[in-house]
PDB file of all heavy atoms in Angstrom:
ATOM      1  N   ALA A   1      -6.688  -1.257  -5.221  1.00  0.00           N
ATOM      2  CA  ALA A   1      -8.006  -0.605  -5.168  1.00  0.00           C
ATOM      3  C   ALA A   1      -8.796  -1.066  -3.955  1.00  0.00           C
ATOM      4  O   ALA A   1      -9.456  -0.260  -3.285  1.00  0.00           O
ATOM      5  CB  ALA A   1      -8.775  -0.906  -6.449  1.00  0.00           C
ATOM      6  N   ALA A   2      -8.718  -2.357  -3.646  1.00  0.00           N
ATOM      7  CA  ALA A   2      -9.447  -2.885  -2.486  1.00  0.00           C
ATOM      8  C   ALA A   2      -8.915  -2.300  -1.189  1.00  0.00           C
ATOM      9  O   ALA A   2      -9.687  -1.938  -0.290  1.00  0.00           O
ATOM     10  CB  ALA A   2      -9.340  -4.409  -2.463  1.00  0.00           C
ATOM     11  N   LEU A   3      -7.600  -2.182  -1.070  1.00  0.00           N
ATOM     12  CA  LEU A   3      -7.000  -1.611   0.138  1.00  0.00           C
ATOM     13  C   LEU A   3      -7.397  -0.147   0.307  1.00  0.00           C
ATOM     14  O   LEU A   3      -7.690   0.304   1.421  1.00  0.00           O
ATOM     15  CB  LEU A   3      -5.480  -1.742   0.082  1.00  0.00           C
ATOM     16  CG  LEU A   3      -4.911  -3.137   0.366  1.00  0.00           C
ATOM     17  CD1 LEU A   3      -3.433  -3.191   0.005  1.00  0.00           C
ATOM     18  CD2 LEU A   3      -5.104  -3.505   1.827  1.00  0.00           C
ATOM     19  N   LEU A   4      -7.391   0.589  -0.787  1.00  0.00           N
ATOM     20  CA  LEU A   4      -7.762   2.001  -0.710  1.00  0.00           C
ATOM     21  C   LEU A   4      -9.237   2.161  -0.362  1.00  0.00           C
ATOM     22  O   LEU A   4      -9.604   3.025   0.446  1.00  0.00           O
ATOM     23  CB  LEU A   4      -7.442   2.695  -2.040  1.00  0.00           C
ATOM     24  CG  LEU A   4      -5.957   2.846  -2.382  1.00  0.00           C
ATOM     25  CD1 LEU A   4      -5.781   3.380  -3.794  1.00  0.00           C
ATOM     26  CD2 LEU A   4      -5.267   3.770  -1.380  1.00  0.00           C
ATOM     27  N   LYS A   5     -10.080   1.339  -0.960  1.00  0.00           N
ATOM     28  CA  LYS A   5     -11.511   1.422  -0.673  1.00  0.00           C
ATOM     29  C   LYS A   5     -11.821   0.981   0.760  1.00  0.00           C
ATOM     30  O   LYS A   5     -12.783   1.459   1.373  1.00  0.00           O
ATOM     31  CB  LYS A   5     -12.294   0.551  -1.656  1.00  0.00           C
ATOM     32  CG  LYS A   5     -12.359   1.102  -3.074  1.00  0.00           C
ATOM     33  CD  LYS A   5     -13.181   2.369  -3.146  1.00  0.00           C
ATOM     34  CE  LYS A   5     -13.348   2.842  -4.573  1.00  0.00           C
ATOM     35  NZ  LYS A   5     -14.110   4.107  -4.663  1.00  0.00           N
ATOM     36  N   ALA A   6     -10.999   0.073   1.294  1.00  0.00           N
ATOM     37  CA  ALA A   6     -11.211  -0.380   2.671  1.00  0.00           C
ATOM     38  C   ALA A   6     -10.819   0.687   3.685  1.00  0.00           C
ATOM     39  O   ALA A   6     -11.133   0.576   4.867  1.00  0.00           O
ATOM     40  CB  ALA A   6     -10.412  -1.659   2.927  1.00  0.00           C
ATOM     41  N   ASP A   7     -10.110   1.733   3.196  1.00  0.00           N
ATOM     42  CA  ASP A   7      -9.714   2.869   4.045  1.00  0.00           C
ATOM     43  C   ASP A   7      -8.876   2.413   5.243  1.00  0.00           C
ATOM     44  O   ASP A   7      -9.158   2.767   6.397  1.00  0.00           O
ATOM     45  CB  ASP A   7     -10.952   3.634   4.519  1.00  0.00           C
ATOM     46  CG  ASP A   7     -10.595   5.054   4.963  1.00  0.00           C
ATOM     47  OD1 ASP A   7      -9.534   5.552   4.536  1.00  0.00           O
ATOM     48  OD2 ASP A   7     -11.356   5.635   5.752  1.00  0.00           O
ATOM     49  N   VAL A   8      -7.840   1.611   4.953  1.00  0.00           N
ATOM     50  CA  VAL A   8      -6.916   1.163   5.996  1.00  0.00           C
ATOM     51  C   VAL A   8      -6.135   2.361   6.530  1.00  0.00           C
ATOM     52  O   VAL A   8      -5.660   3.202   5.765  1.00  0.00           O
ATOM     53  CB  VAL A   8      -5.935   0.111   5.429  1.00  0.00           C
ATOM     54  CG1 VAL A   8      -4.926  -0.311   6.479  1.00  0.00           C
ATOM     55  CG2 VAL A   8      -6.713  -1.102   4.917  1.00  0.00           C
ATOM     56  N   THR A   9      -6.010   2.449   7.838  1.00  0.00           N
ATOM     57  CA  THR A   9      -5.289   3.560   8.468  1.00  0.00           C
ATOM     58  C   THR A   9      -3.820   3.189   8.638  1.00  0.00           C
ATOM     59  O   THR A   9      -3.485   2.220   9.324  1.00  0.00           O
ATOM     60  CB  THR A   9      -5.889   3.900   9.839  1.00  0.00           C
ATOM     61  OG1 THR A   9      -7.275   4.239   9.676  1.00  0.00           O
ATOM     62  CG2 THR A   9      -5.152   5.072  10.471  1.00  0.00           C
ATOM     63  N   MET A  10      -2.934   3.958   7.983  1.00  0.00           N
ATOM     64  CA  MET A  10      -1.497   3.718   8.084  1.00  0.00           C
ATOM     65  C   MET A  10      -0.749   5.044   8.088  1.00  0.00           C
ATOM     66  O   MET A  10      -1.275   6.075   7.662  1.00  0.00           O
ATOM     67  CB  MET A  10      -1.004   2.849   6.900  1.00  0.00           C
ATOM     68  CG  MET A  10      -1.471   1.414   6.923  1.00  0.00           C
ATOM     69  SD  MET A  10      -0.581   0.384   5.717  1.00  0.00           S
ATOM     70  CE  MET A  10      -1.254   1.016   4.173  1.00  0.00           C
ATOM     71  N   SER A  11       0.500   4.983   8.557  1.00  0.00           N
ATOM     72  CA  SER A  11       1.351   6.170   8.545  1.00  0.00           C
ATOM     73  C   SER A  11       1.896   6.381   7.132  1.00  0.00           C
ATOM     74  O   SER A  11       1.787   5.503   6.262  1.00  0.00           O
ATOM     75  CB  SER A  11       2.517   5.989   9.519  1.00  0.00           C
ATOM     76  OG  SER A  11       3.378   4.943   9.081  1.00  0.00           O
ATOM     77  N   LEU A  12       2.514   7.540   6.908  1.00  0.00           N
ATOM     78  CA  LEU A  12       3.111   7.835   5.601  1.00  0.00           C
ATOM     79  C   LEU A  12       4.174   6.801   5.240  1.00  0.00           C
ATOM     80  O   LEU A  12       4.229   6.323   4.094  1.00  0.00           O
ATOM     81  CB  LEU A  12       3.715   9.240   5.619  1.00  0.00           C
ATOM     82  CG  LEU A  12       4.493   9.658   4.368  1.00  0.00           C
ATOM     83  CD1 LEU A  12       3.617   9.578   3.125  1.00  0.00           C
ATOM     84  CD2 LEU A  12       5.051  11.071   4.545  1.00  0.00           C
ATOM     85  N   GLN A  13       5.006   6.449   6.203  1.00  0.00           N
ATOM     86  CA  GLN A  13       6.046   5.442   5.973  1.00  0.00           C
ATOM     87  C   GLN A  13       5.429   4.123   5.508  1.00  0.00           C
ATOM     88  O   GLN A  13       5.934   3.470   4.586  1.00  0.00           O
ATOM     89  CB  GLN A  13       6.857   5.223   7.243  1.00  0.00           C
ATOM     90  CG  GLN A  13       7.910   4.129   7.122  1.00  0.00           C
ATOM     91  CD  GLN A  13       8.426   3.660   8.471  1.00  0.00           C
ATOM     92  OE1 GLN A  13       7.738   3.794   9.483  1.00  0.00           O
ATOM     93  NE2 GLN A  13       9.632   3.116   8.495  1.00  0.00           N
ATOM     94  N   GLU A  14       4.324   3.734   6.121  1.00  0.00           N
ATOM     95  CA  GLU A  14       3.679   2.461   5.788  1.00  0.00           C
ATOM     96  C   GLU A  14       2.995   2.515   4.421  1.00  0.00           C
ATOM     97  O   GLU A  14       2.990   1.524   3.683  1.00  0.00           O
ATOM     98  CB  GLU A  14       2.688   2.094   6.890  1.00  0.00           C
ATOM     99  CG  GLU A  14       3.391   1.714   8.199  1.00  0.00           C
ATOM    100  CD  GLU A  14       2.488   1.813   9.425  1.00  0.00           C
ATOM    101  OE1 GLU A  14       1.366   2.350   9.296  1.00  0.00           O
ATOM    102  OE2 GLU A  14       2.918   1.363  10.502  1.00  0.00           O
ATOM    103  N   TRP A  15       2.449   3.669   4.042  1.00  0.00           N
ATOM    104  CA  TRP A  15       1.871   3.800   2.708  1.00  0.00           C
ATOM    105  C   TRP A  15       2.952   3.746   1.645  1.00  0.00           C
ATOM    106  O   TRP A  15       2.749   3.187   0.556  1.00  0.00           O
ATOM    107  CB  TRP A  15       1.073   5.105   2.586  1.00  0.00           C
ATOM    108  CG  TRP A  15      -0.312   5.021   3.157  1.00  0.00           C
ATOM    109  CD1 TRP A  15      -0.788   5.644   4.265  1.00  0.00           C
ATOM    110  CD2 TRP A  15      -1.391   4.230   2.640  1.00  0.00           C
ATOM    111  NE1 TRP A  15      -2.098   5.303   4.484  1.00  0.00           N
ATOM    112  CE2 TRP A  15      -2.506   4.435   3.495  1.00  0.00           C
ATOM    113  CE3 TRP A  15      -1.535   3.381   1.551  1.00  0.00           C
ATOM    114  CZ2 TRP A  15      -3.729   3.819   3.280  1.00  0.00           C
ATOM    115  CZ3 TRP A  15      -2.758   2.759   1.335  1.00  0.00           C
ATOM    116  CH2 TRP A  15      -3.836   2.981   2.190  1.00  0.00           C
ATOM    117  N   MET A  16       4.114   4.317   1.937  1.00  0.00           N
ATOM    118  CA  MET A  16       5.224   4.233   0.992  1.00  0.00           C
ATOM    119  C   MET A  16       5.692   2.787   0.839  1.00  0.00           C
ATOM    120  O   MET A  16       6.022   2.328  -0.263  1.00  0.00           O
ATOM    121  CB  MET A  16       6.375   5.125   1.448  1.00  0.00           C
ATOM    122  CG  MET A  16       6.083   6.612   1.303  1.00  0.00           C
ATOM    123  SD  MET A  16       7.448   7.656   1.892  1.00  0.00           S
ATOM    124  CE  MET A  16       8.754   7.210   0.741  1.00  0.00           C
ATOM    125  N   ALA A  17       5.723   2.060   1.960  1.00  0.00           N
ATOM    126  CA  ALA A  17       6.116   0.647   1.910  1.00  0.00           C
ATOM    127  C   ALA A  17       5.124  -0.159   1.078  1.00  0.00           C
ATOM    128  O   ALA A  17       5.510  -1.037   0.296  1.00  0.00           O
ATOM    129  CB  ALA A  17       6.222   0.085   3.322  1.00  0.00           C
ATOM    130  N   LEU A  18       3.826   0.140   1.234  1.00  0.00           N
ATOM    131  CA  LEU A  18       2.812  -0.546   0.446  1.00  0.00           C
ATOM    132  C   LEU A  18       2.968  -0.225  -1.040  1.00  0.00           C
ATOM    133  O   LEU A  18       2.836  -1.109  -1.899  1.00  0.00           O
ATOM    134  CB  LEU A  18       1.413  -0.147   0.912  1.00  0.00           C
ATOM    135  CG  LEU A  18       0.264  -0.756   0.099  1.00  0.00           C
ATOM    136  CD1 LEU A  18       0.203  -2.271   0.297  1.00  0.00           C
ATOM    137  CD2 LEU A  18      -1.070  -0.112   0.464  1.00  0.00           C
ATOM    138  N   THR A  19       3.268   1.040  -1.354  1.00  0.00           N
ATOM    139  CA  THR A  19       3.468   1.438  -2.743  1.00  0.00           C
ATOM    140  C   THR A  19       4.572   0.620  -3.390  1.00  0.00           C
ATOM    141  O   THR A  19       4.432   0.126  -4.512  1.00  0.00           O
ATOM    142  CB  THR A  19       3.821   2.935  -2.830  1.00  0.00           C
ATOM    143  OG1 THR A  19       2.793   3.702  -2.188  1.00  0.00           O
ATOM    144  CG2 THR A  19       3.955   3.389  -4.270  1.00  0.00           C
ATOM    145  N   TYR A  20       5.684   0.458  -2.663  1.00  0.00           N
ATOM    146  CA  TYR A  20       6.781  -0.358  -3.172  1.00  0.00           C
ATOM    147  C   TYR A  20       6.360  -1.819  -3.293  1.00  0.00           C
ATOM    148  O   TYR A  20       6.615  -2.478  -4.314  1.00  0.00           O
ATOM    149  CB  TYR A  20       8.002  -0.247  -2.258  1.00  0.00           C
ATOM    150  CG  TYR A  20       9.140  -1.146  -2.699  1.00  0.00           C
ATOM    151  CD1 TYR A  20      10.072  -0.694  -3.631  1.00  0.00           C
ATOM    152  CD2 TYR A  20       9.261  -2.445  -2.225  1.00  0.00           C
ATOM    153  CE1 TYR A  20      11.099  -1.515  -4.064  1.00  0.00           C
ATOM    154  CE2 TYR A  20      10.281  -3.274  -2.656  1.00  0.00           C
ATOM    155  CZ  TYR A  20      11.195  -2.812  -3.571  1.00  0.00           C
ATOM    156  OH  TYR A  20      12.203  -3.634  -4.011  1.00  0.00           O
ATOM    157  N   ALA A  21       5.693  -2.338  -2.274  1.00  0.00           N
ATOM    158  CA  ALA A  21       5.365  -3.765  -2.222  1.00  0.00           C
ATOM    159  C   ALA A  21       4.459  -4.181  -3.374  1.00  0.00           C
ATOM    160  O   ALA A  21       4.732  -5.162  -4.076  1.00  0.00           O
ATOM    161  CB  ALA A  21       4.713  -4.099  -0.886  1.00  0.00           C
ATOM    162  N   VAL A  22       3.361  -3.454  -3.592  1.00  0.00           N
ATOM    163  CA  VAL A  22       2.426  -3.861  -4.650  1.00  0.00           C
ATOM    164  C   VAL A  22       2.969  -3.539  -6.034  1.00  0.00           C
ATOM    165  O   VAL A  22       2.571  -4.160  -7.023  1.00  0.00           O
ATOM    166  CB  VAL A  22       1.039  -3.204  -4.451  1.00  0.00           C
ATOM    167  CG1 VAL A  22       0.385  -3.697  -3.172  1.00  0.00           C
ATOM    168  CG2 VAL A  22       1.129  -1.683  -4.467  1.00  0.00           C
ATOM    169  N   GLY A  23       3.894  -2.578  -6.107  1.00  0.00           N
ATOM    170  CA  GLY A  23       4.487  -2.244  -7.397  1.00  0.00           C
ATOM    171  C   GLY A  23       5.530  -3.247  -7.854  1.00  0.00           C
ATOM    172  O   GLY A  23       5.612  -3.590  -9.031  1.00  0.00           O
ATOM    173  N   VAL A  24       6.332  -3.740  -6.909  1.00  0.00           N
ATOM    174  CA  VAL A  24       7.459  -4.617  -7.235  1.00  0.00           C
ATOM    175  C   VAL A  24       7.137  -6.085  -6.984  1.00  0.00           C
ATOM    176  O   VAL A  24       7.697  -6.972  -7.630  1.00  0.00           O
ATOM    177  CB  VAL A  24       8.716  -4.193  -6.438  1.00  0.00           C
ATOM    178  CG1 VAL A  24       9.913  -5.067  -6.778  1.00  0.00           C
ATOM    179  CG2 VAL A  24       9.051  -2.728  -6.708  1.00  0.00           C
ATOM    180  N   GLY A  25       6.235  -6.372  -6.036  1.00  0.00           N
ATOM    181  CA  GLY A  25       5.936  -7.752  -5.660  1.00  0.00           C
ATOM    182  C   GLY A  25       5.463  -8.618  -6.816  1.00  0.00           C
ATOM    183  O   GLY A  25       5.715  -9.827  -6.851  1.00  0.00           O
ATOM    184  N   GLY A  26       4.812  -8.001  -7.803  1.00  0.00           N
ATOM    185  CA  GLY A  26       4.351  -8.759  -8.960  1.00  0.00           C
ATOM    186  C   GLY A  26       5.480  -9.355  -9.775  1.00  0.00           C
ATOM    187  O   GLY A  26       5.262 -10.256 -10.593  1.00  0.00           O
ATOM    188  N   SER A  27       6.706  -8.869  -9.555  1.00  0.00           N
ATOM    189  CA  SER A  27       7.870  -9.378 -10.289  1.00  0.00           C
ATOM    190  C   SER A  27       8.295 -10.763  -9.825  1.00  0.00           C
ATOM    191  O   SER A  27       9.082 -11.423 -10.504  1.00  0.00           O
ATOM    192  CB  SER A  27       9.064  -8.419 -10.107  1.00  0.00           C
ATOM    193  OG  SER A  27       8.728  -7.102 -10.421  1.00  0.00           O
TER     194      SER A  27
END
């Protein structure tokens, strides 16, 4: 939520990488 609210500018590839990272990193 903080990253989205901060409006970080990234490419589609980088947003997909973030989706994986925050989803799986908690494991």
